Amino acid sequence: DVGDHQQVLAAALRQLPLPPWSKLLVRID
């Protein structure tokens, strides 16, 4: 489900202390 993944990804990003120059690798099956 696209909407569910967008919601979870947004919540996950809020938990990370991501500065503007951060690098993120997302792995999905």
PDB file of all heavy atoms in Angstrom:
ATOM      1  N   ASP A   1       0.839  -1.199   0.000  1.00  0.00           N
ATOM      2  CA  ASP A   1       0.000   0.000   0.000  1.00  0.00           C
ATOM      3  C   ASP A   1       0.876   1.251   0.000  1.00  0.00           C
ATOM      4  O   ASP A   1       1.709   1.441   0.894  1.00  0.00           O
ATOM      5  CB  ASP A   1      -0.919  -0.005   1.224  1.00  0.00           C
ATOM      6  CG  ASP A   1      -1.917   1.132   1.189  1.00  0.00           C
ATOM      7  OD1 ASP A   1      -1.536   2.252   1.614  1.00  0.00           O
ATOM      8  OD2 ASP A   1      -3.049   0.927   0.743  1.00  0.00           O
ATOM      9  N   VAL A   2       0.706   2.107  -0.986  1.00  0.00           N
ATOM     10  CA  VAL A   2       1.567   3.286  -1.142  1.00  0.00           C
ATOM     11  C   VAL A   2       1.359   4.277  -0.002  1.00  0.00           C
ATOM     12  O   VAL A   2       2.323   4.792   0.578  1.00  0.00           O
ATOM     13  CB  VAL A   2       1.295   3.965  -2.501  1.00  0.00           C
ATOM     14  CG1 VAL A   2       2.139   5.236  -2.638  1.00  0.00           C
ATOM     15  CG2 VAL A   2       1.607   3.008  -3.637  1.00  0.00           C
ATOM     16  N   GLY A   3       0.101   4.549   0.344  1.00  0.00           N
ATOM     17  CA  GLY A   3      -0.177   5.493   1.414  1.00  0.00           C
ATOM     18  C   GLY A   3       0.397   5.056   2.746  1.00  0.00           C
ATOM     19  O   GLY A   3       0.943   5.869   3.503  1.00  0.00           O
ATOM     20  N   ASP A   4       0.288   3.767   3.057  1.00  0.00           N
ATOM     21  CA  ASP A   4       0.839   3.260   4.311  1.00  0.00           C
ATOM     22  C   ASP A   4       2.355   3.403   4.339  1.00  0.00           C
ATOM     23  O   ASP A   4       2.942   3.775   5.361  1.00  0.00           O
ATOM     24  CB  ASP A   4       0.453   1.796   4.502  1.00  0.00           C
ATOM     25  CG  ASP A   4      -1.029   1.622   4.794  1.00  0.00           C
ATOM     26  OD1 ASP A   4      -1.695   2.638   5.061  1.00  0.00           O
ATOM     27  OD2 ASP A   4      -1.515   0.474   4.752  1.00  0.00           O
ATOM     28  N   HIS A   5       3.019   3.117   3.222  1.00  0.00           N
ATOM     29  CA  HIS A   5       4.469   3.262   3.175  1.00  0.00           C
ATOM     30  C   HIS A   5       4.892   4.721   3.313  1.00  0.00           C
ATOM     31  O   HIS A   5       5.874   5.032   3.994  1.00  0.00           O
ATOM     32  CB  HIS A   5       5.014   2.684   1.869  1.00  0.00           C
ATOM     33  CG  HIS A   5       5.235   1.202   1.918  1.00  0.00           C
ATOM     34  ND1 HIS A   5       4.206   0.299   1.750  1.00  0.00           N
ATOM     35  CD2 HIS A   5       6.357   0.471   2.143  1.00  0.00           C
ATOM     36  CE1 HIS A   5       4.696  -0.939   1.840  1.00  0.00           C
ATOM     37  NE2 HIS A   5       5.980  -0.856   2.081  1.00  0.00           N
ATOM     38  N   GLN A   6       4.153   5.618   2.695  1.00  0.00           N
ATOM     39  CA  GLN A   6       4.472   7.034   2.842  1.00  0.00           C
ATOM     40  C   GLN A   6       4.331   7.480   4.292  1.00  0.00           C
ATOM     41  O   GLN A   6       5.164   8.237   4.813  1.00  0.00           O
ATOM     42  CB  GLN A   6       3.563   7.867   1.932  1.00  0.00           C
ATOM     43  CG  GLN A   6       3.833   7.688   0.455  1.00  0.00           C
ATOM     44  CD  GLN A   6       2.877   8.499  -0.410  1.00  0.00           C
ATOM     45  OE1 GLN A   6       1.874   9.026   0.072  1.00  0.00           O
ATOM     46  NE2 GLN A   6       3.172   8.588  -1.690  1.00  0.00           N
ATOM     47  N   GLN A   7       3.279   7.003   4.963  1.00  0.00           N
ATOM     48  CA  GLN A   7       3.059   7.362   6.363  1.00  0.00           C
ATOM     49  C   GLN A   7       4.177   6.829   7.259  1.00  0.00           C
ATOM     50  O   GLN A   7       4.692   7.547   8.131  1.00  0.00           O
ATOM     51  CB  GLN A   7       1.710   6.835   6.827  1.00  0.00           C
ATOM     52  CG  GLN A   7       1.346   7.213   8.256  1.00  0.00           C
ATOM     53  CD  GLN A   7      -0.047   6.730   8.643  1.00  0.00           C
ATOM     54  OE1 GLN A   7      -0.846   6.351   7.779  1.00  0.00           O
ATOM     55  NE2 GLN A   7      -0.340   6.711   9.930  1.00  0.00           N
ATOM     56  N   VAL A   8       4.574   5.578   7.046  1.00  0.00           N
ATOM     57  CA  VAL A   8       5.626   4.985   7.877  1.00  0.00           C
ATOM     58  C   VAL A   8       6.968   5.654   7.597  1.00  0.00           C
ATOM     59  O   VAL A   8       7.746   5.919   8.525  1.00  0.00           O
ATOM     60  CB  VAL A   8       5.694   3.467   7.629  1.00  0.00           C
ATOM     61  CG1 VAL A   8       6.939   2.869   8.264  1.00  0.00           C
ATOM     62  CG2 VAL A   8       4.450   2.794   8.193  1.00  0.00           C
ATOM     63  N   LEU A   9       7.263   5.931   6.340  1.00  0.00           N
ATOM     64  CA  LEU A   9       8.522   6.592   6.010  1.00  0.00           C
ATOM     65  C   LEU A   9       8.593   7.985   6.619  1.00  0.00           C
ATOM     66  O   LEU A   9       9.644   8.394   7.135  1.00  0.00           O
ATOM     67  CB  LEU A   9       8.682   6.673   4.488  1.00  0.00           C
ATOM     68  CG  LEU A   9       9.033   5.363   3.780  1.00  0.00           C
ATOM     69  CD1 LEU A   9       8.912   5.525   2.275  1.00  0.00           C
ATOM     70  CD2 LEU A   9      10.448   4.925   4.152  1.00  0.00           C
ATOM     71  N   ALA A  10       7.489   8.721   6.588  1.00  0.00           N
ATOM     72  CA  ALA A  10       7.476  10.054   7.194  1.00  0.00           C
ATOM     73  C   ALA A  10       7.693   9.971   8.699  1.00  0.00           C
ATOM     74  O   ALA A  10       8.456  10.763   9.271  1.00  0.00           O
ATOM     75  CB  ALA A  10       6.153  10.750   6.879  1.00  0.00           C
ATOM     76  N   ALA A  11       7.042   9.000   9.355  1.00  0.00           N
ATOM     77  CA  ALA A  11       7.231   8.838  10.795  1.00  0.00           C
ATOM     78  C   ALA A  11       8.659   8.419  11.119  1.00  0.00           C
ATOM     79  O   ALA A  11       9.240   8.862  12.116  1.00  0.00           O
ATOM     80  CB  ALA A  11       6.239   7.810  11.340  1.00  0.00           C
ATOM     81  N   ALA A  12       9.248   7.562  10.287  1.00  0.00           N
ATOM     82  CA  ALA A  12      10.626   7.120  10.520  1.00  0.00           C
ATOM     83  C   ALA A  12      11.604   8.281  10.373  1.00  0.00           C
ATOM     84  O   ALA A  12      12.535   8.427  11.174  1.00  0.00           O
ATOM     85  CB  ALA A  12      10.978   5.998   9.548  1.00  0.00           C
ATOM     86  N   LEU A  13      11.402   9.127   9.371  1.00  0.00           N
ATOM     87  CA  LEU A  13      12.301  10.263   9.163  1.00  0.00           C
ATOM     88  C   LEU A  13      12.228  11.249  10.319  1.00  0.00           C
ATOM     89  O   LEU A  13      13.225  11.889  10.657  1.00  0.00           O
ATOM     90  CB  LEU A  13      11.972  10.954   7.841  1.00  0.00           C
ATOM     91  CG  LEU A  13      12.303  10.169   6.566  1.00  0.00           C
ATOM     92  CD1 LEU A  13      11.863  10.937   5.339  1.00  0.00           C
ATOM     93  CD2 LEU A  13      13.792   9.871   6.500  1.00  0.00           C
ATOM     94  N   ARG A  14      11.049  11.364  10.928  1.00  0.00           N
ATOM     95  CA  ARG A  14      10.929  12.268  12.080  1.00  0.00           C
ATOM     96  C   ARG A  14      11.701  11.749  13.288  1.00  0.00           C
ATOM     97  O   ARG A  14      12.012  12.526  14.201  1.00  0.00           O
ATOM     98  CB  ARG A  14       9.455  12.464  12.436  1.00  0.00           C
ATOM     99  CG  ARG A  14       8.672  13.284  11.430  1.00  0.00           C
ATOM    100  CD  ARG A  14       7.330  13.728  12.000  1.00  0.00           C
ATOM    101  NE  ARG A  14       6.439  12.604  12.253  1.00  0.00           N
ATOM    102  CZ  ARG A  14       5.539  12.150  11.377  1.00  0.00           C
ATOM    103  NH1 ARG A  14       5.448  12.707  10.181  1.00  0.00           N
ATOM    104  NH2 ARG A  14       4.754  11.136  11.683  1.00  0.00           N
ATOM    105  N   GLN A  15      11.996  10.451  13.309  1.00  0.00           N
ATOM    106  CA  GLN A  15      12.751   9.882  14.424  1.00  0.00           C
ATOM    107  C   GLN A  15      14.258   9.990  14.226  1.00  0.00           C
ATOM    108  O   GLN A  15      15.023   9.744  15.164  1.00  0.00           O
ATOM    109  CB  GLN A  15      12.381   8.404  14.603  1.00  0.00           C
ATOM    110  CG  GLN A  15      10.999   8.191  15.163  1.00  0.00           C
ATOM    111  CD  GLN A  15      10.844   8.743  16.564  1.00  0.00           C
ATOM    112  OE1 GLN A  15      11.655   8.471  17.441  1.00  0.00           O
ATOM    113  NE2 GLN A  15       9.798   9.527  16.788  1.00  0.00           N
ATOM    114  N   LEU A  16      14.694  10.358  13.038  1.00  0.00           N
ATOM    115  CA  LEU A  16      16.121  10.426  12.757  1.00  0.00           C
ATOM    116  C   LEU A  16      16.612  11.863  12.853  1.00  0.00           C
ATOM    117  O   LEU A  16      15.978  12.772  12.318  1.00  0.00           O
ATOM    118  CB  LEU A  16      16.408   9.885  11.355  1.00  0.00           C
ATOM    119  CG  LEU A  16      15.982   8.440  11.091  1.00  0.00           C
ATOM    120  CD1 LEU A  16      16.343   8.052   9.662  1.00  0.00           C
ATOM    121  CD2 LEU A  16      16.638   7.496  12.075  1.00  0.00           C
ATOM    122  N   PRO A  17      17.745  12.080  13.517  1.00  0.00           N
ATOM    123  CA  PRO A  17      18.319  13.434  13.562  1.00  0.00           C
ATOM    124  C   PRO A  17      18.992  13.761  12.244  1.00  0.00           C
ATOM    125  O   PRO A  17      20.219  13.844  12.135  1.00  0.00           O
ATOM    126  CB  PRO A  17      19.321  13.333  14.718  1.00  0.00           C
ATOM    127  CG  PRO A  17      19.727  11.905  14.743  1.00  0.00           C
ATOM    128  CD  PRO A  17      18.527  11.115  14.300  1.00  0.00           C
ATOM    129  N   LEU A  18      18.186  13.931  11.195  1.00  0.00           N
ATOM    130  CA  LEU A  18      18.721  14.104   9.850  1.00  0.00           C
ATOM    131  C   LEU A  18      19.065  15.558   9.569  1.00  0.00           C
ATOM    132  O   LEU A  18      18.175  16.396   9.451  1.00  0.00           O
ATOM    133  CB  LEU A  18      17.702  13.622   8.810  1.00  0.00           C
ATOM    134  CG  LEU A  18      17.484  12.118   8.704  1.00  0.00           C
ATOM    135  CD1 LEU A  18      16.278  11.835   7.829  1.00  0.00           C
ATOM    136  CD2 LEU A  18      18.695  11.447   8.136  1.00  0.00           C
ATOM    137  N   PRO A  19      20.334  15.901   9.444  1.00  0.00           N
ATOM    138  CA  PRO A  19      20.679  17.246   8.969  1.00  0.00           C
ATOM    139  C   PRO A  19      20.418  17.330   7.471  1.00  0.00           C
ATOM    140  O   PRO A  19      20.215  16.303   6.807  1.00  0.00           O
ATOM    141  CB  PRO A  19      22.179  17.352   9.275  1.00  0.00           C
ATOM    142  CG  PRO A  19      22.659  15.939   9.301  1.00  0.00           C
ATOM    143  CD  PRO A  19      21.514  15.107   9.795  1.00  0.00           C
ATOM    144  N   PRO A  20      20.403  18.528   6.904  1.00  0.00           N
ATOM    145  CA  PRO A  20      20.068  18.674   5.480  1.00  0.00           C
ATOM    146  C   PRO A  20      21.011  17.910   4.557  1.00  0.00           C
ATOM    147  O   PRO A  20      20.655  17.617   3.430  1.00  0.00           O
ATOM    148  CB  PRO A  20      20.155  20.191   5.255  1.00  0.00           C
ATOM    149  CG  PRO A  20      19.984  20.798   6.615  1.00  0.00           C
ATOM    150  CD  PRO A  20      20.600  19.816   7.568  1.00  0.00           C
ATOM    151  N   TRP A  21      22.239  17.601   5.011  1.00  0.00           N
ATOM    152  CA  TRP A  21      23.205  16.933   4.149  1.00  0.00           C
ATOM    153  C   TRP A  21      23.255  15.426   4.379  1.00  0.00           C
ATOM    154  O   TRP A  21      24.185  14.758   3.939  1.00  0.00           O
ATOM    155  CB  TRP A  21      24.591  17.528   4.382  1.00  0.00           C
ATOM    156  CG  TRP A  21      25.003  17.486   5.823  1.00  0.00           C
ATOM    157  CD1 TRP A  21      25.648  16.473   6.475  1.00  0.00           C
ATOM    158  CD2 TRP A  21      24.789  18.502   6.783  1.00  0.00           C
ATOM    159  NE1 TRP A  21      25.851  16.800   7.780  1.00  0.00           N
ATOM    160  CE2 TRP A  21      25.341  18.052   8.008  1.00  0.00           C
ATOM    161  CE3 TRP A  21      24.192  19.769   6.757  1.00  0.00           C
ATOM    162  CZ2 TRP A  21      25.287  18.806   9.178  1.00  0.00           C
ATOM    163  CZ3 TRP A  21      24.151  20.516   7.912  1.00  0.00           C
ATOM    164  CH2 TRP A  21      24.692  20.039   9.100  1.00  0.00           C
ATOM    165  N   SER A  22      22.286  14.886   5.048  1.00  0.00           N
ATOM    166  CA  SER A  22      22.311  13.464   5.386  1.00  0.00           C
ATOM    167  C   SER A  22      22.124  12.593   4.150  1.00  0.00           C
ATOM    168  O   SER A  22      21.595  13.016   3.119  1.00  0.00           O
ATOM    169  CB  SER A  22      21.225  13.143   6.405  1.00  0.00           C
ATOM    170  OG  SER A  22      21.569  13.633   7.665  1.00  0.00           O
ATOM    171  N   LYS A  23      22.548  11.345   4.299  1.00  0.00           N
ATOM    172  CA  LYS A  23      22.409  10.343   3.246  1.00  0.00           C
ATOM    173  C   LYS A  23      21.589   9.188   3.805  1.00  0.00           C
ATOM    174  O   LYS A  23      21.878   8.680   4.884  1.00  0.00           O
ATOM    175  CB  LYS A  23      23.787   9.866   2.798  1.00  0.00           C
ATOM    176  CG  LYS A  23      24.617  10.967   2.156  1.00  0.00           C
ATOM    177  CD  LYS A  23      26.016  10.495   1.809  1.00  0.00           C
ATOM    178  CE  LYS A  23      26.878  10.352   3.038  1.00  0.00           C
ATOM    179  NZ  LYS A  23      28.283  10.038   2.692  1.00  0.00           N
ATOM    180  N   LEU A  24      20.576   8.779   3.049  1.00  0.00           N
ATOM    181  CA  LEU A  24      19.640   7.757   3.510  1.00  0.00           C
ATOM    182  C   LEU A  24      19.527   6.662   2.468  1.00  0.00           C
ATOM    183  O   LEU A  24      19.296   6.938   1.287  1.00  0.00           O
ATOM    184  CB  LEU A  24      18.264   8.380   3.768  1.00  0.00           C
ATOM    185  CG  LEU A  24      17.144   7.421   4.184  1.00  0.00           C
ATOM    186  CD1 LEU A  24      17.442   6.802   5.538  1.00  0.00           C
ATOM    187  CD2 LEU A  24      15.799   8.140   4.213  1.00  0.00           C
ATOM    188  N   LEU A  25      19.696   5.413   2.904  1.00  0.00           N
ATOM    189  CA  LEU A  25      19.511   4.249   2.049  1.00  0.00           C
ATOM    190  C   LEU A  25      18.288   3.489   2.554  1.00  0.00           C
ATOM    191  O   LEU A  25      18.241   3.073   3.711  1.00  0.00           O
ATOM    192  CB  LEU A  25      20.745   3.349   2.085  1.00  0.00           C
ATOM    193  CG  LEU A  25      20.625   2.007   1.346  1.00  0.00           C
ATOM    194  CD1 LEU A  25      20.412   2.226  -0.149  1.00  0.00           C
ATOM    195  CD2 LEU A  25      21.868   1.153   1.587  1.00  0.00           C
ATOM    196  N   VAL A  26      17.291   3.313   1.688  1.00  0.00           N
ATOM    197  CA  VAL A  26      16.053   2.619   2.035  1.00  0.00           C
ATOM    198  C   VAL A  26      16.046   1.284   1.301  1.00  0.00           C
ATOM    199  O   VAL A  26      16.212   1.233   0.070  1.00  0.00           O
ATOM    200  CB  VAL A  26      14.810   3.450   1.653  1.00  0.00           C
ATOM    201  CG1 VAL A  26      13.537   2.710   2.037  1.00  0.00           C
ATOM    202  CG2 VAL A  26      14.858   4.811   2.334  1.00  0.00           C
ATOM    203  N   ARG A  27      15.834   0.203   2.056  1.00  0.00           N
ATOM    204  CA  ARG A  27      15.809  -1.146   1.471  1.00  0.00           C
ATOM    205  C   ARG A  27      14.410  -1.736   1.664  1.00  0.00           C
ATOM    206  O   ARG A  27      13.934  -1.860   2.788  1.00  0.00           O
ATOM    207  CB  ARG A  27      16.861  -2.033   2.135  1.00  0.00           C
ATOM    208  CG  ARG A  27      18.271  -1.442   2.083  1.00  0.00           C
ATOM    209  CD  ARG A  27      19.310  -2.385   2.640  1.00  0.00           C
ATOM    210  NE  ARG A  27      19.083  -2.718   4.046  1.00  0.00           N
ATOM    211  CZ  ARG A  27      19.931  -3.444   4.781  1.00  0.00           C
ATOM    212  NH1 ARG A  27      21.050  -3.893   4.235  1.00  0.00           N
ATOM    213  NH2 ARG A  27      19.659  -3.711   6.043  1.00  0.00           N
ATOM    214  N   ILE A  28      13.762  -2.098   0.570  1.00  0.00           N
ATOM    215  CA  ILE A  28      12.441  -2.713   0.639  1.00  0.00           C
ATOM    216  C   ILE A  28      12.464  -3.996  -0.188  1.00  0.00           C
ATOM    217  O   ILE A  28      13.212  -4.119  -1.162  1.00  0.00           O
ATOM    218  CB  ILE A  28      11.319  -1.777   0.132  1.00  0.00           C
ATOM    219  CG1 ILE A  28      11.595  -1.315  -1.294  1.00  0.00           C
ATOM    220  CG2 ILE A  28      11.169  -0.576   1.050  1.00  0.00           C
ATOM    221  CD1 ILE A  28      10.496  -0.460  -1.883  1.00  0.00           C
ATOM    222  N   ASP A  29      11.643  -4.962   0.208  1.00  0.00           N
ATOM    223  CA  ASP A  29      11.623  -6.236  -0.497  1.00  0.00           C
ATOM    224  C   ASP A  29      10.553  -6.239  -1.577  1.00  0.00           C
ATOM    225  O   ASP A  29       9.866  -5.237  -1.816  1.00  0.00           O
ATOM    226  CB  ASP A  29      11.429  -7.386   0.487  1.00  0.00           C
ATOM    227  CG  ASP A  29      10.129  -7.253   1.272  1.00  0.00           C
ATOM    228  OD1 ASP A  29       9.261  -6.446   0.860  1.00  0.00           O
ATOM    229  OD2 ASP A  29       9.966  -7.943   2.295  1.00  0.00           O
TER     230      ASP A  29
END
